[in-house]
Amino acid sequence: DQLVTLAVDANPRLTTLALDYDALKRLVALSASACGLAALPPGLGSLAKLETLALSDNPFTELPPTLAACKKLKEIKVDRTAIADNKVLGYIAKGEMKQLAKYWEKTATGGKGAKGGGKKGKR
C-alpha cells in the first residue's frame, strides 16, 4: 500500500506482471525492463498515480489501451520491444502522453469518439 517504486528489471523468466494492482495505489514508477514480458495486463491502467513506466527489452507487441486511464503518466520507455504501431511509438518518442491517451480512447471505441467521430460532414 505504501510502495511508490517497483523495479523487477533483468528477470528473463518473468513473463507476466501478475500484480495486485489494487494494492499499488501509490505506485509512481514501475520498471520491468529486460524481462520476458510477452504481453501486458490491462490492470496497468488502474495505477492512477503512475508517472514512469519502463518496459524496454521485452518481446510484447502492444501496450494495453487501459493505460489511457493513467492521467499522471509522463514517460514510457519501450526501446527494443516489438511494438509495431507507429502512432503509439511516435507519441511516446515525443513525450505526448495526453495525445497517446486520446489515441487509445479513440481506437478503443472503434475509431469514433464519445460524440460520434467529429465534425466532418456537418454544415
N, C-alpha and C. Protein backbone atom coordinates (compact mmCIF):
# COMPACT_ATOMS: atom_id res chain seq x y z
N ASP A 1 0.83 -1.20 0.00
CA ASP A 1 0.00 0.00 0.00
C ASP A 1 0.87 1.26 0.00
N GLN A 2 2.07 1.20 0.55
CA GLN A 2 2.96 2.36 0.62
C GLN A 2 4.00 2.38 -0.50
N LEU A 3 4.08 1.33 -1.30
CA LEU A 3 5.09 1.20 -2.35
C LEU A 3 4.91 2.28 -3.41
N VAL A 4 6.00 3.03 -3.71
CA VAL A 4 5.93 4.07 -4.73
C VAL A 4 6.79 3.73 -5.96
N THR A 5 7.77 2.86 -5.80
CA THR A 5 8.63 2.44 -6.90
C THR A 5 8.78 0.93 -6.86
N LEU A 6 8.59 0.31 -8.02
CA LEU A 6 8.76 -1.13 -8.14
C LEU A 6 9.65 -1.41 -9.33
N ALA A 7 10.79 -2.08 -9.09
CA ALA A 7 11.73 -2.42 -10.16
C ALA A 7 11.96 -3.93 -10.15
N VAL A 8 11.65 -4.56 -11.26
CA VAL A 8 11.84 -6.01 -11.40
C VAL A 8 12.66 -6.29 -12.66
N ASP A 9 13.55 -5.40 -12.99
CA ASP A 9 14.36 -5.49 -14.20
C ASP A 9 15.23 -6.74 -14.23
N ALA A 10 15.58 -7.12 -15.47
CA ALA A 10 16.52 -8.22 -15.72
C ALA A 10 16.07 -9.55 -15.13
N ASN A 11 14.82 -9.86 -15.31
CA ASN A 11 14.25 -11.14 -14.89
C ASN A 11 13.68 -11.84 -16.13
N PRO A 12 14.51 -12.53 -16.90
CA PRO A 12 14.04 -13.12 -18.15
C PRO A 12 12.95 -14.17 -17.98
N ARG A 13 12.80 -14.71 -16.80
CA ARG A 13 11.74 -15.69 -16.55
C ARG A 13 10.41 -15.04 -16.17
N LEU A 14 10.45 -13.75 -15.98
CA LEU A 14 9.22 -13.01 -15.66
C LEU A 14 8.47 -12.76 -16.96
N THR A 15 7.41 -13.52 -17.20
CA THR A 15 6.69 -13.44 -18.47
C THR A 15 5.38 -12.66 -18.36
N THR A 16 4.97 -12.34 -17.15
CA THR A 16 3.74 -11.56 -16.95
C THR A 16 3.89 -10.69 -15.71
N LEU A 17 3.16 -9.61 -15.67
CA LEU A 17 3.15 -8.74 -14.50
C LEU A 17 1.88 -9.02 -13.69
N ALA A 18 1.86 -10.16 -13.07
CA ALA A 18 0.70 -10.57 -12.26
C ALA A 18 0.85 -9.92 -10.88
N LEU A 19 0.35 -8.72 -10.77
CA LEU A 19 0.46 -7.95 -9.54
C LEU A 19 -0.93 -7.66 -8.98
N ASP A 20 -0.97 -7.37 -7.69
CA ASP A 20 -2.21 -6.94 -7.07
C ASP A 20 -2.30 -5.42 -7.27
N TYR A 21 -2.84 -5.01 -8.41
CA TYR A 21 -2.87 -3.59 -8.76
C TYR A 21 -3.66 -2.75 -7.77
N ASP A 22 -4.66 -3.33 -7.15
CA ASP A 22 -5.45 -2.59 -6.15
C ASP A 22 -4.61 -2.22 -4.94
N ALA A 23 -3.57 -3.00 -4.66
CA ALA A 23 -2.71 -2.72 -3.52
C ALA A 23 -1.59 -1.74 -3.87
N LEU A 24 -1.51 -1.33 -5.11
CA LEU A 24 -0.43 -0.45 -5.56
C LEU A 24 -0.93 0.96 -5.89
N LYS A 25 -1.83 1.45 -5.09
CA LYS A 25 -2.48 2.75 -5.35
C LYS A 25 -1.50 3.92 -5.37
N ARG A 26 -0.36 3.79 -4.69
CA ARG A 26 0.59 4.90 -4.61
C ARG A 26 1.77 4.75 -5.57
N LEU A 27 1.77 3.71 -6.39
CA LEU A 27 2.89 3.43 -7.27
C LEU A 27 3.08 4.56 -8.29
N VAL A 28 4.28 5.12 -8.32
CA VAL A 28 4.61 6.23 -9.20
C VAL A 28 5.51 5.75 -10.34
N ALA A 29 6.37 4.77 -10.06
CA ALA A 29 7.31 4.28 -11.07
C ALA A 29 7.32 2.76 -11.09
N LEU A 30 7.20 2.20 -12.30
CA LEU A 30 7.27 0.75 -12.48
C LEU A 30 8.30 0.48 -13.57
N SER A 31 9.28 -0.35 -13.24
CA SER A 31 10.32 -0.70 -14.19
C SER A 31 10.39 -2.22 -14.30
N ALA A 32 10.17 -2.71 -15.52
CA ALA A 32 10.23 -4.14 -15.79
C ALA A 32 10.96 -4.36 -17.12
N SER A 33 12.12 -3.74 -17.25
CA SER A 33 12.91 -3.86 -18.48
C SER A 33 13.72 -5.15 -18.45
N ALA A 34 14.01 -5.65 -19.64
CA ALA A 34 14.82 -6.86 -19.81
C ALA A 34 14.24 -8.06 -19.08
N CYS A 35 12.95 -8.22 -19.24
CA CYS A 35 12.26 -9.40 -18.71
C CYS A 35 11.76 -10.20 -19.91
N GLY A 36 10.89 -11.13 -19.69
CA GLY A 36 10.35 -11.92 -20.79
C GLY A 36 8.89 -11.61 -21.03
N LEU A 37 8.49 -10.36 -20.86
CA LEU A 37 7.09 -9.98 -20.95
C LEU A 37 6.57 -10.06 -22.39
N ALA A 38 5.73 -11.05 -22.67
CA ALA A 38 5.16 -11.24 -24.00
C ALA A 38 3.88 -10.44 -24.17
N ALA A 39 3.25 -10.09 -23.07
CA ALA A 39 2.02 -9.30 -23.09
C ALA A 39 1.93 -8.53 -21.79
N LEU A 40 1.17 -7.46 -21.81
CA LEU A 40 0.99 -6.63 -20.60
C LEU A 40 -0.47 -6.67 -20.19
N PRO A 41 -0.72 -6.76 -18.89
CA PRO A 41 -2.10 -6.87 -18.41
C PRO A 41 -2.84 -5.54 -18.44
N PRO A 42 -4.15 -5.59 -18.69
CA PRO A 42 -4.93 -4.35 -18.66
C PRO A 42 -4.94 -3.70 -17.29
N GLY A 43 -4.63 -4.45 -16.24
CA GLY A 43 -4.60 -3.92 -14.88
C GLY A 43 -3.64 -2.77 -14.69
N LEU A 44 -2.67 -2.61 -15.60
CA LEU A 44 -1.75 -1.48 -15.50
C LEU A 44 -2.51 -0.16 -15.52
N GLY A 45 -3.63 -0.13 -16.18
CA GLY A 45 -4.42 1.09 -16.27
C GLY A 45 -5.04 1.53 -14.96
N SER A 46 -5.03 0.68 -13.95
CA SER A 46 -5.59 1.06 -12.66
C SER A 46 -4.56 1.74 -11.75
N LEU A 47 -3.33 1.92 -12.24
CA LEU A 47 -2.29 2.57 -11.44
C LEU A 47 -2.40 4.09 -11.64
N ALA A 48 -3.34 4.70 -10.95
CA ALA A 48 -3.70 6.10 -11.16
C ALA A 48 -2.57 7.09 -10.93
N LYS A 49 -1.62 6.79 -10.07
CA LYS A 49 -0.54 7.72 -9.77
C LYS A 49 0.73 7.46 -10.59
N LEU A 50 0.69 6.46 -11.46
CA LEU A 50 1.85 6.08 -12.25
C LEU A 50 2.33 7.24 -13.13
N GLU A 51 3.63 7.56 -13.02
CA GLU A 51 4.24 8.62 -13.81
C GLU A 51 5.26 8.09 -14.80
N THR A 52 5.97 7.02 -14.41
CA THR A 52 7.02 6.46 -15.25
C THR A 52 6.83 4.96 -15.39
N LEU A 53 6.88 4.50 -16.64
CA LEU A 53 6.74 3.08 -16.95
C LEU A 53 7.88 2.69 -17.87
N ALA A 54 8.80 1.85 -17.37
CA ALA A 54 9.97 1.42 -18.14
C ALA A 54 9.83 -0.06 -18.49
N LEU A 55 9.70 -0.33 -19.79
CA LEU A 55 9.43 -1.70 -20.25
C LEU A 55 10.33 -2.11 -21.42
N SER A 56 11.48 -1.47 -21.57
CA SER A 56 12.37 -1.76 -22.69
C SER A 56 12.87 -3.20 -22.64
N ASP A 57 13.32 -3.67 -23.80
CA ASP A 57 13.92 -5.00 -23.93
C ASP A 57 12.98 -6.12 -23.53
N ASN A 58 11.76 -6.06 -24.02
CA ASN A 58 10.75 -7.10 -23.79
C ASN A 58 10.11 -7.45 -25.13
N PRO A 59 9.59 -8.68 -25.28
CA PRO A 59 9.03 -9.10 -26.56
C PRO A 59 7.56 -8.74 -26.82
N PHE A 60 6.88 -8.01 -25.93
CA PHE A 60 5.46 -7.71 -26.15
C PHE A 60 5.29 -6.85 -27.41
N THR A 61 4.10 -6.92 -28.00
CA THR A 61 3.84 -6.23 -29.27
C THR A 61 2.94 -5.01 -29.13
N GLU A 62 2.32 -4.84 -27.98
CA GLU A 62 1.45 -3.67 -27.79
C GLU A 62 1.33 -3.33 -26.31
N LEU A 63 0.98 -2.08 -26.07
CA LEU A 63 0.68 -1.61 -24.72
C LEU A 63 -0.83 -1.69 -24.53
N PRO A 64 -1.28 -1.99 -23.31
CA PRO A 64 -2.73 -2.05 -23.10
C PRO A 64 -3.34 -0.65 -23.19
N PRO A 65 -4.40 -0.49 -23.97
CA PRO A 65 -5.06 0.82 -24.08
C PRO A 65 -5.59 1.33 -22.74
N THR A 66 -5.72 0.46 -21.76
CA THR A 66 -6.17 0.89 -20.43
C THR A 66 -5.20 1.88 -19.79
N LEU A 67 -3.97 1.95 -20.32
CA LEU A 67 -3.01 2.94 -19.80
C LEU A 67 -3.51 4.37 -20.00
N ALA A 68 -4.49 4.56 -20.87
CA ALA A 68 -5.08 5.88 -21.07
C ALA A 68 -5.66 6.42 -19.77
N ALA A 69 -6.01 5.54 -18.85
CA ALA A 69 -6.57 5.95 -17.56
C ALA A 69 -5.50 6.47 -16.60
N CYS A 70 -4.23 6.27 -16.92
CA CYS A 70 -3.12 6.74 -16.07
C CYS A 70 -2.83 8.20 -16.43
N LYS A 71 -3.61 9.10 -15.92
CA LYS A 71 -3.56 10.51 -16.29
C LYS A 71 -2.27 11.22 -15.88
N LYS A 72 -1.52 10.65 -14.93
CA LYS A 72 -0.28 11.28 -14.48
C LYS A 72 0.95 10.75 -15.21
N LEU A 73 0.74 9.82 -16.13
CA LEU A 73 1.84 9.20 -16.84
C LEU A 73 2.60 10.23 -17.66
N LYS A 74 3.91 10.33 -17.42
CA LYS A 74 4.75 11.31 -18.09
C LYS A 74 5.75 10.68 -19.03
N GLU A 75 6.14 9.43 -18.74
CA GLU A 75 7.20 8.81 -19.52
C GLU A 75 6.96 7.30 -19.64
N ILE A 76 7.10 6.81 -20.87
CA ILE A 76 7.04 5.38 -21.14
C ILE A 76 8.31 5.03 -21.92
N LYS A 77 9.02 4.03 -21.46
CA LYS A 77 10.23 3.57 -22.15
C LYS A 77 9.95 2.19 -22.74
N VAL A 78 10.00 2.11 -24.07
CA VAL A 78 9.72 0.85 -24.76
C VAL A 78 10.77 0.55 -25.84
N ASP A 79 12.01 0.96 -25.60
CA ASP A 79 13.07 0.69 -26.56
C ASP A 79 13.27 -0.83 -26.68
N ARG A 80 13.54 -1.25 -27.89
CA ARG A 80 13.81 -2.67 -28.18
C ARG A 80 12.67 -3.60 -27.75
N THR A 81 11.45 -3.17 -28.07
CA THR A 81 10.27 -4.02 -27.91
C THR A 81 9.74 -4.30 -29.32
N ALA A 82 8.70 -5.11 -29.41
CA ALA A 82 8.14 -5.47 -30.71
C ALA A 82 6.89 -4.67 -31.06
N ILE A 83 6.71 -3.51 -30.45
CA ILE A 83 5.55 -2.67 -30.75
C ILE A 83 5.63 -2.22 -32.20
N ALA A 84 4.56 -2.47 -32.95
CA ALA A 84 4.54 -2.15 -34.38
C ALA A 84 3.71 -0.91 -34.70
N ASP A 85 2.90 -0.43 -33.77
CA ASP A 85 2.03 0.71 -34.02
C ASP A 85 2.88 1.99 -34.00
N ASN A 86 3.13 2.54 -35.19
CA ASN A 86 3.99 3.72 -35.30
C ASN A 86 3.40 4.95 -34.64
N LYS A 87 2.08 5.06 -34.58
CA LYS A 87 1.47 6.20 -33.89
C LYS A 87 1.80 6.15 -32.40
N VAL A 88 1.65 4.97 -31.81
CA VAL A 88 1.98 4.80 -30.39
C VAL A 88 3.44 5.15 -30.15
N LEU A 89 4.33 4.60 -30.98
CA LEU A 89 5.76 4.88 -30.82
C LEU A 89 6.08 6.36 -31.01
N GLY A 90 5.40 7.00 -31.94
CA GLY A 90 5.62 8.43 -32.18
C GLY A 90 5.23 9.28 -30.99
N TYR A 91 4.05 9.02 -30.44
CA TYR A 91 3.61 9.77 -29.26
C TYR A 91 4.57 9.56 -28.09
N ILE A 92 5.02 8.33 -27.90
CA ILE A 92 5.95 8.04 -26.81
C ILE A 92 7.27 8.78 -27.02
N ALA A 93 7.80 8.71 -28.24
CA ALA A 93 9.08 9.36 -28.55
C ALA A 93 9.03 10.86 -28.31
N LYS A 94 7.88 11.47 -28.58
CA LYS A 94 7.73 12.92 -28.39
C LYS A 94 7.30 13.29 -26.98
N GLY A 95 7.02 12.28 -26.14
CA GLY A 95 6.56 12.55 -24.79
C GLY A 95 5.14 13.08 -24.73
N GLU A 96 4.34 12.78 -25.75
CA GLU A 96 2.97 13.28 -25.84
C GLU A 96 1.99 12.27 -25.24
N MET A 97 2.01 12.16 -23.92
CA MET A 97 1.19 11.17 -23.24
C MET A 97 -0.30 11.48 -23.34
N LYS A 98 -0.67 12.75 -23.34
CA LYS A 98 -2.10 13.09 -23.45
C LYS A 98 -2.62 12.73 -24.83
N GLN A 99 -1.83 12.97 -25.87
CA GLN A 99 -2.22 12.60 -27.23
C GLN A 99 -2.31 11.08 -27.36
N LEU A 100 -1.37 10.38 -26.72
CA LEU A 100 -1.39 8.92 -26.74
C LEU A 100 -2.67 8.40 -26.08
N ALA A 101 -3.04 8.98 -24.96
CA ALA A 101 -4.27 8.57 -24.27
C ALA A 101 -5.49 8.81 -25.15
N LYS A 102 -5.52 9.95 -25.84
CA LYS A 102 -6.64 10.24 -26.75
C LYS A 102 -6.69 9.23 -27.90
N TYR A 103 -5.52 8.88 -28.41
CA TYR A 103 -5.44 7.89 -29.49
C TYR A 103 -6.00 6.55 -29.03
N TRP A 104 -5.59 6.12 -27.84
CA TRP A 104 -6.09 4.85 -27.30
C TRP A 104 -7.61 4.91 -27.09
N GLU A 105 -8.09 6.01 -26.55
CA GLU A 105 -9.53 6.15 -26.33
C GLU A 105 -10.29 6.10 -27.65
N LYS A 106 -9.74 6.73 -28.66
CA LYS A 106 -10.38 6.74 -29.98
C LYS A 106 -10.39 5.35 -30.60
N THR A 107 -9.26 4.66 -30.54
CA THR A 107 -9.19 3.34 -31.16
C THR A 107 -9.98 2.30 -30.36
N ALA A 108 -10.14 2.50 -29.09
CA ALA A 108 -10.91 1.57 -28.26
C ALA A 108 -12.40 1.66 -28.55
N THR A 109 -12.85 2.78 -29.13
CA THR A 109 -14.26 2.95 -29.45
C THR A 109 -14.52 2.73 -30.93
N GLY A 110 -13.64 1.99 -31.59
CA GLY A 110 -13.84 1.69 -33.00
C GLY A 110 -13.59 2.86 -33.93
N GLY A 111 -12.75 3.80 -33.49
CA GLY A 111 -12.41 4.93 -34.35
C GLY A 111 -13.31 6.13 -34.17
N LYS A 112 -14.32 6.03 -33.33
CA LYS A 112 -15.21 7.16 -33.09
C LYS A 112 -15.11 7.57 -31.64
N GLY A 113 -15.04 8.86 -31.42
CA GLY A 113 -15.01 9.37 -30.06
C GLY A 113 -16.39 9.28 -29.42
N ALA A 114 -16.49 9.76 -28.22
CA ALA A 114 -17.75 9.68 -27.48
C ALA A 114 -18.89 10.43 -28.17
N LYS A 115 -18.55 11.41 -29.03
CA LYS A 115 -19.59 12.21 -29.67
C LYS A 115 -19.85 11.77 -31.11
N GLY A 116 -19.30 10.63 -31.52
CA GLY A 116 -19.65 10.10 -32.83
C GLY A 116 -18.69 10.41 -33.96
N GLY A 117 -17.48 10.84 -33.66
CA GLY A 117 -16.48 10.93 -34.72
C GLY A 117 -16.16 12.30 -35.27
N GLY A 118 -16.50 13.36 -34.63
CA GLY A 118 -16.03 14.66 -35.07
C GLY A 118 -17.04 15.46 -35.86
N LYS A 119 -16.51 16.51 -36.57
CA LYS A 119 -17.36 17.49 -37.24
C LYS A 119 -17.51 17.22 -38.73
N LYS A 120 -16.80 16.29 -39.27
CA LYS A 120 -16.83 16.05 -40.70
C LYS A 120 -18.26 15.80 -41.19
N GLY A 121 -18.63 16.46 -42.24
CA GLY A 121 -19.94 16.25 -42.83
C GLY A 121 -21.03 17.17 -42.28
N LYS A 122 -20.76 17.92 -41.23
CA LYS A 122 -21.76 18.85 -40.68
C LYS A 122 -21.70 20.16 -41.45
N ARG A 123 -22.82 20.84 -41.53
CA ARG A 123 -22.87 22.13 -42.24
C ARG A 123 -23.31 23.23 -41.34
